Amino acid sequence: MTNSLKSKLFGTETWNNKWYVYVGTPIFAFLGALCYWLFGIHLVSSTPAETVLMILFPGTAVVLGSTILAVIDGL
């Protein structure tokens, strides 16, 4: 990962369009929560595992979505 991509993922200063961070992050968190609600509940049966998945689905969606936006922003 290049330094500019790292700085985009861990800060807001280097984005060409700063709205990506403020609009994209909640949208991707919502999509991750929706994916958890649709699919994650059926993957495990224990309460602690459901809690872990409830955190991982939106978190993963935000990181992957922000990475895609950072790549698009860098083009």
C-alpha atoms as a PDB file:
ATOM      1  CA  MET A   1       0.000   0.000   0.000  1.00  0.00           C
ATOM      2  CA  THR A   2       1.426   3.347  -0.952  1.00  0.00           C
ATOM      3  CA  ASN A   3       1.879   6.171   1.526  1.00  0.00           C
ATOM      4  CA  SER A   4      -0.856   8.264  -0.084  1.00  0.00           C
ATOM      5  CA  LEU A   5      -3.324   5.371   0.195  1.00  0.00           C
ATOM      6  CA  LYS A   6      -2.367   4.864   3.851  1.00  0.00           C
ATOM      7  CA  SER A   7      -2.769   8.556   4.593  1.00  0.00           C
ATOM      8  CA  LYS A   8      -6.190   8.559   2.931  1.00  0.00           C
ATOM      9  CA  LEU A   9      -7.361   5.574   4.958  1.00  0.00           C
ATOM     10  CA  PHE A  10      -6.099   6.930   8.281  1.00  0.00           C
ATOM     11  CA  GLY A  11      -6.817  10.640   7.845  1.00  0.00           C
ATOM     12  CA  THR A  12      -8.887  13.182   5.976  1.00  0.00           C
ATOM     13  CA  GLU A  13      -6.232  15.637   4.794  1.00  0.00           C
ATOM     14  CA  THR A  14      -5.081  14.020   1.552  1.00  0.00           C
ATOM     15  CA  TRP A  15      -8.420  13.248  -0.113  1.00  0.00           C
ATOM     16  CA  ASN A  16      -9.114  15.120  -3.345  1.00  0.00           C
ATOM     17  CA  ASN A  17     -12.810  15.049  -2.463  1.00  0.00           C
ATOM     18  CA  LYS A  18     -13.282  15.267   1.319  1.00  0.00           C
ATOM     19  CA  TRP A  19     -16.966  14.305   1.023  1.00  0.00           C
ATOM     20  CA  TYR A  20     -15.917  10.693   0.410  1.00  0.00           C
ATOM     21  CA  VAL A  21     -15.065  10.337   4.085  1.00  0.00           C
ATOM     22  CA  TYR A  22     -18.165  12.030   5.478  1.00  0.00           C
ATOM     23  CA  VAL A  23     -20.666  10.434   3.103  1.00  0.00           C
ATOM     24  CA  GLY A  24     -18.969   7.122   2.303  1.00  0.00           C
ATOM     25  CA  THR A  25     -18.235   5.951   5.838  1.00  0.00           C
ATOM     26  CA  PRO A  26     -21.852   5.958   7.101  1.00  0.00           C
ATOM     27  CA  ILE A  27     -23.089   4.443   3.849  1.00  0.00           C
ATOM     28  CA  PHE A  28     -20.596   1.582   4.040  1.00  0.00           C
ATOM     29  CA  ALA A  29     -21.328   1.061   7.749  1.00  0.00           C
ATOM     30  CA  PHE A  30     -25.032   0.810   6.903  1.00  0.00           C
ATOM     31  CA  LEU A  31     -24.304  -1.658   4.093  1.00  0.00           C
ATOM     32  CA  GLY A  32     -22.188  -3.764   6.449  1.00  0.00           C
ATOM     33  CA  ALA A  33     -24.958  -3.756   9.065  1.00  0.00           C
ATOM     34  CA  LEU A  34     -27.464  -4.717   6.381  1.00  0.00           C
ATOM     35  CA  CYS A  35     -25.242  -7.598   5.241  1.00  0.00           C
ATOM     36  CA  TYR A  36     -24.938  -8.738   8.852  1.00  0.00           C
ATOM     37  CA  TRP A  37     -28.709  -8.577   9.277  1.00  0.00           C
ATOM     38  CA  LEU A  38     -29.298 -10.539   6.056  1.00  0.00           C
ATOM     39  CA  PHE A  39     -26.478 -13.103   6.243  1.00  0.00           C
ATOM     40  CA  GLY A  40     -24.453 -12.863   9.461  1.00  0.00           C
ATOM     41  CA  ILE A  41     -27.204 -13.912  11.815  1.00  0.00           C
ATOM     42  CA  HIS A  42     -27.381 -17.277  10.057  1.00  0.00           C
ATOM     43  CA  LEU A  43     -23.633 -17.967  10.233  1.00  0.00           C
ATOM     44  CA  VAL A  44     -23.326 -18.555  13.982  1.00  0.00           C
ATOM     45  CA  SER A  45     -25.592 -19.572  16.811  1.00  0.00           C
ATOM     46  CA  SER A  46     -23.855 -18.365  19.969  1.00  0.00           C
ATOM     47  CA  THR A  47     -24.368 -14.890  21.408  1.00  0.00           C
ATOM     48  CA  PRO A  48     -20.661 -13.960  21.697  1.00  0.00           C
ATOM     49  CA  ALA A  49     -20.021 -14.962  18.082  1.00  0.00           C
ATOM     50  CA  GLU A  50     -23.020 -12.890  16.947  1.00  0.00           C
ATOM     51  CA  THR A  51     -21.574  -9.885  18.788  1.00  0.00           C
ATOM     52  CA  VAL A  52     -18.199 -10.336  17.102  1.00  0.00           C
ATOM     53  CA  LEU A  53     -19.835 -10.606  13.689  1.00  0.00           C
ATOM     54  CA  MET A  54     -22.006  -7.582  14.444  1.00  0.00           C
ATOM     55  CA  ILE A  55     -18.798  -5.561  14.869  1.00  0.00           C
ATOM     56  CA  LEU A  56     -16.817  -7.169  12.029  1.00  0.00           C
ATOM     57  CA  PHE A  57     -19.392  -6.825   9.248  1.00  0.00           C
ATOM     58  CA  PRO A  58     -19.756  -3.002   9.355  1.00  0.00           C
ATOM     59  CA  GLY A  59     -16.068  -2.520  10.181  1.00  0.00           C
ATOM     60  CA  THR A  60     -14.945  -4.621   7.236  1.00  0.00           C
ATOM     61  CA  ALA A  61     -17.419  -2.901   4.928  1.00  0.00           C
ATOM     62  CA  VAL A  62     -16.104   0.536   5.962  1.00  0.00           C
ATOM     63  CA  VAL A  63     -12.452  -0.445   5.461  1.00  0.00           C
ATOM     64  CA  LEU A  64     -13.048  -2.112   2.084  1.00  0.00           C
ATOM     65  CA  GLY A  65     -15.336   0.671   0.893  1.00  0.00           C
ATOM     66  CA  SER A  66     -12.914   3.373   1.964  1.00  0.00           C
ATOM     67  CA  THR A  67     -10.076   1.556   0.223  1.00  0.00           C
ATOM     68  CA  ILE A  68     -12.085   1.403  -3.005  1.00  0.00           C
ATOM     69  CA  LEU A  69     -12.936   5.116  -2.677  1.00  0.00           C
ATOM     70  CA  ALA A  70      -9.264   5.924  -2.019  1.00  0.00           C
ATOM     71  CA  VAL A  71      -8.234   4.090  -5.166  1.00  0.00           C
ATOM     72  CA  ILE A  72     -10.931   5.879  -7.178  1.00  0.00           C
ATOM     73  CA  ASP A  73      -9.918   9.201  -5.629  1.00  0.00           C
ATOM     74  CA  GLY A  74      -6.305   8.592  -6.635  1.00  0.00           C
ATOM     75  CA  LEU A  75      -7.135   8.034 -10.306  1.00  0.00           C
END
